[in-house]
Amino acid sequence: MCIPTIGVWNCFDEIDFNSLPNQFVLKCTHDSEGIVIVKDKNLFDVNSARTRIENALKQNFFYIGREWPYKDVKPRIIAEPYMEDALDGELRDYKFFCFHGEPKVMYIASGRSINKTRFDFYNMNFHHLNVIQKYSNSEVVQRKPTTFDEMICIAKILSKDFLHVRVDFYEVNGKCYVGELTFYPLSGFIPFHPNEWDIIFGNWLDLSKVHIA
């Protein structure tokens, strides 16, 4: 299941906030990390949201990370329902690195709601791995998502036609949601630590399966 879209607009002034629920999320279709989270519309700072969204609309993410799919995406604004898992008190990301249709490694992104982002890496048996990328590991033991096996099955289906793709999920109150497919995690700029994991990830790519027309 995908998180539903509850509105699409070309500019901020088109948004009818009266039509939106009390809790929602605003983001742009062509951007990365430009997001406005509204947990209570009565406390919503419209001017601050306008500044953040309009700045995002002016930005072409292609020129930041050189991820070519971003280059010609039409900038638009979308709204989605605000979602939070009752067990964790936040919306955690579960991100599966898949190679030729096989999930190999995943990580849990936690702590974003309190500006203390942590990444914890696991294999497909949910054994914690000594891997760090961009953010430190969490100080606490992470809970295995109840839909972990379902995520693996869906990741296999969605990634089967690709050399590599990261399939991203959320879990909300026992239900699994597909977030997005990420073809260039962190634009390919951020290494893994220890360095041997760069080699391990690279070895999972079978370039003999690449067909150039």
Protein backbone atom coordinates (compact mmCIF):
# COMPACT_ATOMS: atom_id res chain seq x y z
CA MET A 1 0.00 0.00 0.00
CA CYS A 2 1.22 3.50 -0.83
CA ILE A 3 0.62 6.58 1.29
CA PRO A 4 -2.32 8.35 -0.36
CA THR A 5 -2.03 11.79 -1.96
CA ILE A 6 -4.73 14.18 -0.77
CA GLY A 7 -3.84 17.21 -2.88
CA VAL A 8 -1.66 18.41 -5.76
CA TRP A 9 -0.90 22.06 -6.61
CA ASN A 10 1.40 24.06 -8.84
CA CYS A 11 2.00 26.87 -6.34
CA PHE A 12 1.47 27.59 -2.66
CA ASP A 13 -1.39 30.05 -3.21
CA GLU A 14 -3.48 27.30 -4.85
CA ILE A 15 -3.66 25.32 -1.59
CA ASP A 16 -7.05 25.41 0.12
CA PHE A 17 -6.05 24.67 3.70
CA ASN A 18 -9.70 24.50 4.77
CA SER A 19 -10.05 21.36 2.68
CA LEU A 20 -7.11 19.62 4.37
CA PRO A 21 -7.40 17.50 7.52
CA ASN A 22 -6.13 18.70 10.88
CA GLN A 23 -2.89 16.77 10.37
CA PHE A 24 -1.04 16.59 7.05
CA VAL A 25 2.35 16.78 5.35
CA LEU A 26 3.38 19.09 2.50
CA LYS A 27 6.25 18.22 0.17
CA CYS A 28 7.41 18.90 -3.37
CA THR A 29 7.49 16.34 -6.16
CA HIS A 30 10.90 17.38 -7.50
CA ASP A 31 12.79 17.91 -4.26
CA SER A 32 14.50 16.00 -1.45
CA GLU A 33 13.94 16.70 2.26
CA GLY A 34 11.89 19.85 1.68
CA ILE A 35 8.95 18.94 3.86
CA VAL A 36 6.41 20.65 6.12
CA ILE A 37 4.82 18.54 8.86
CA VAL A 38 1.57 19.78 10.36
CA LYS A 39 0.39 17.95 13.47
CA ASP A 40 -2.22 20.56 14.43
CA LYS A 41 -3.65 22.88 11.81
CA ASN A 42 -4.69 25.34 14.53
CA LEU A 43 -0.99 25.90 15.28
CA PHE A 44 0.09 25.90 11.65
CA ASP A 45 2.54 28.69 10.71
CA VAL A 46 1.42 29.42 7.14
CA ASN A 47 4.11 32.03 6.46
CA SER A 48 6.91 29.73 7.54
CA ALA A 49 5.49 26.94 5.39
CA ARG A 50 5.17 29.29 2.42
CA THR A 51 8.84 30.28 2.69
CA ARG A 52 10.01 26.67 2.90
CA ILE A 53 7.83 25.42 0.04
CA GLU A 54 8.47 28.36 -2.28
CA ASN A 55 12.22 28.01 -1.76
CA ALA A 56 11.91 24.32 -2.62
CA LEU A 57 9.91 25.11 -5.77
CA LYS A 58 12.78 27.29 -7.02
CA GLN A 59 15.33 24.54 -6.52
CA ASN A 60 16.36 21.97 -9.09
CA PHE A 61 17.80 19.07 -7.14
CA PHE A 62 19.60 17.82 -10.24
CA TYR A 63 22.17 20.61 -9.89
CA ILE A 64 22.89 19.60 -6.29
CA GLY A 65 23.37 15.85 -6.58
CA ARG A 66 23.43 15.37 -10.38
CA GLU A 67 20.67 12.76 -10.14
CA TRP A 68 19.37 13.00 -13.70
CA PRO A 69 15.73 11.91 -13.04
CA TYR A 70 15.22 15.14 -11.08
CA LYS A 71 16.25 17.40 -13.96
CA ASP A 72 12.98 17.69 -15.87
CA VAL A 73 10.43 16.92 -13.15
CA LYS A 74 7.70 19.54 -13.05
CA PRO A 75 7.83 21.28 -9.65
CA ARG A 76 4.56 20.71 -7.81
CA ILE A 77 3.34 20.53 -4.23
CA ILE A 78 1.57 17.52 -2.80
CA ALA A 79 -0.15 16.85 0.51
CA GLU A 80 -0.25 13.50 2.27
CA PRO A 81 -1.86 12.42 5.54
CA TYR A 82 0.33 12.79 8.61
CA MET A 83 1.25 9.29 9.76
CA GLU A 84 2.84 8.07 12.99
CA ASP A 85 3.33 4.62 14.44
CA ALA A 86 1.83 4.27 17.90
CA LEU A 87 4.51 1.84 19.09
CA ASP A 88 7.44 4.09 18.20
CA GLY A 89 5.83 7.51 18.53
CA GLU A 90 7.25 8.55 15.17
CA LEU A 91 7.30 7.59 11.49
CA ARG A 92 10.39 5.50 10.90
CA ASP A 93 11.85 4.67 7.50
CA TYR A 94 12.76 1.10 6.59
CA LYS A 95 15.06 1.18 3.56
CA PHE A 96 16.08 -1.97 1.66
CA PHE A 97 19.11 -2.00 -0.66
CA CYS A 98 18.18 -4.38 -3.47
CA PHE A 99 20.42 -5.80 -6.20
CA HIS A 100 18.92 -7.65 -9.16
CA GLY A 101 15.71 -8.23 -7.24
CA GLU A 102 17.33 -9.42 -4.02
CA PRO A 103 17.25 -7.32 -0.84
CA LYS A 104 20.69 -7.55 0.79
CA VAL A 105 20.82 -4.94 3.53
CA MET A 106 18.34 -2.55 5.08
CA TYR A 107 18.49 0.26 7.59
CA ILE A 108 16.07 1.90 9.97
CA ALA A 109 16.05 5.70 10.03
CA SER A 110 14.81 6.87 13.42
CA GLY A 111 14.84 10.03 15.52
CA ARG A 112 13.95 12.41 12.71
CA SER A 113 10.99 13.84 14.60
CA ILE A 114 13.33 15.11 17.35
CA ASN A 115 16.16 16.19 15.01
CA LYS A 116 18.33 13.30 16.20
CA THR A 117 18.46 11.12 13.11
CA ARG A 118 20.04 7.68 13.49
CA PHE A 119 20.68 4.93 10.92
CA ASP A 120 20.85 1.28 12.00
CA PHE A 121 21.78 -1.36 9.42
CA TYR A 122 20.54 -4.97 9.40
CA ASN A 123 20.80 -8.04 7.21
CA MET A 124 17.76 -9.95 6.03
CA ASN A 125 17.74 -12.00 9.24
CA PHE A 126 17.48 -8.73 11.15
CA HIS A 127 20.94 -9.05 12.67
CA HIS A 128 22.47 -5.67 13.43
CA LEU A 129 25.46 -4.82 11.22
CA ASN A 130 28.52 -2.79 12.08
CA VAL A 131 27.82 -0.22 9.38
CA ILE A 132 27.60 3.56 9.59
CA GLN A 133 26.61 5.94 6.80
CA LYS A 134 26.06 9.67 7.36
CA TYR A 135 24.43 9.22 10.79
CA SER A 136 25.50 7.32 13.89
CA ASN A 137 23.76 4.19 15.11
CA SER A 138 20.96 4.56 17.62
CA GLU A 139 21.76 4.42 21.33
CA VAL A 140 18.89 1.97 21.86
CA VAL A 141 18.02 -1.42 20.36
CA GLN A 142 15.65 -0.97 17.44
CA ARG A 143 12.40 -2.85 17.24
CA LYS A 144 12.00 -5.27 14.36
CA PRO A 145 9.00 -4.12 12.30
CA THR A 146 6.08 -6.51 12.48
CA THR A 147 5.78 -6.40 8.68
CA PHE A 148 9.49 -7.09 8.08
CA ASP A 149 8.87 -10.26 6.03
CA GLU A 150 6.18 -8.50 4.01
CA MET A 151 8.61 -5.68 3.26
CA ILE A 152 11.15 -8.18 1.96
CA CYS A 153 8.58 -9.79 -0.35
CA ILE A 154 7.43 -6.45 -1.74
CA ALA A 155 11.01 -5.23 -2.14
CA LYS A 156 11.82 -8.31 -4.26
CA ILE A 157 8.88 -7.62 -6.57
CA LEU A 158 9.55 -3.90 -6.97
CA SER A 159 13.29 -4.32 -7.54
CA LYS A 160 13.32 -7.35 -9.86
CA ASP A 161 13.90 -5.36 -13.07
CA PHE A 162 16.70 -3.15 -11.73
CA LEU A 163 20.44 -3.50 -11.31
CA HIS A 164 20.08 -1.66 -8.02
CA VAL A 165 17.34 0.24 -6.25
CA ARG A 166 16.58 1.04 -2.64
CA VAL A 167 12.97 0.26 -1.75
CA ASP A 168 11.72 2.42 1.12
CA PHE A 169 8.89 1.56 3.49
CA TYR A 170 7.00 2.86 6.49
CA GLU A 171 5.14 0.85 9.10
CA VAL A 172 2.12 2.43 10.78
CA ASN A 173 0.20 0.51 13.41
CA GLY A 174 0.98 -2.88 11.92
CA LYS A 175 0.47 -1.88 8.28
CA CYS A 176 3.21 -1.65 5.66
CA TYR A 177 3.39 1.31 3.28
CA VAL A 178 5.69 1.80 0.30
CA GLY A 179 7.37 5.19 0.52
CA GLU A 180 9.43 5.44 -2.66
CA LEU A 181 12.04 3.84 -4.88
CA THR A 182 15.45 5.45 -4.46
CA PHE A 183 17.90 4.84 -7.30
CA TYR A 184 20.75 7.05 -6.08
CA PRO A 185 20.92 6.94 -2.26
CA LEU A 186 22.56 10.11 -0.91
CA SER A 187 23.49 10.91 -4.54
CA GLY A 188 26.28 8.33 -4.26
CA PHE A 189 28.47 10.77 -2.33
CA ILE A 190 28.43 9.37 1.22
CA PRO A 191 30.70 6.37 1.89
CA PHE A 192 30.05 3.51 4.26
CA HIS A 193 32.14 2.88 7.35
CA PRO A 194 34.09 0.72 7.74
CA ASN A 195 35.30 1.09 4.16
CA GLU A 196 34.99 -2.61 3.40
CA TRP A 197 31.25 -2.09 3.06
CA ASP A 198 31.77 0.06 -0.03
CA ILE A 199 33.41 -2.98 -1.60
CA ILE A 200 30.69 -5.35 -0.37
CA PHE A 201 27.93 -3.18 -1.84
CA GLY A 202 29.87 -2.80 -5.09
CA ASN A 203 30.36 -6.54 -5.43
CA TRP A 204 26.59 -7.04 -5.32
CA LEU A 205 26.34 -5.26 -8.67
CA ASP A 206 26.59 -7.71 -11.55
CA LEU A 207 27.51 -5.46 -14.47
CA SER A 208 27.32 -8.41 -16.88
CA LYS A 209 23.55 -8.03 -16.61
CA VAL A 210 23.63 -4.47 -17.94
CA HIS A 211 22.44 -4.28 -21.55
CA ILE A 212 23.36 -1.13 -23.44
CA ALA A 213 21.25 -0.46 -26.53
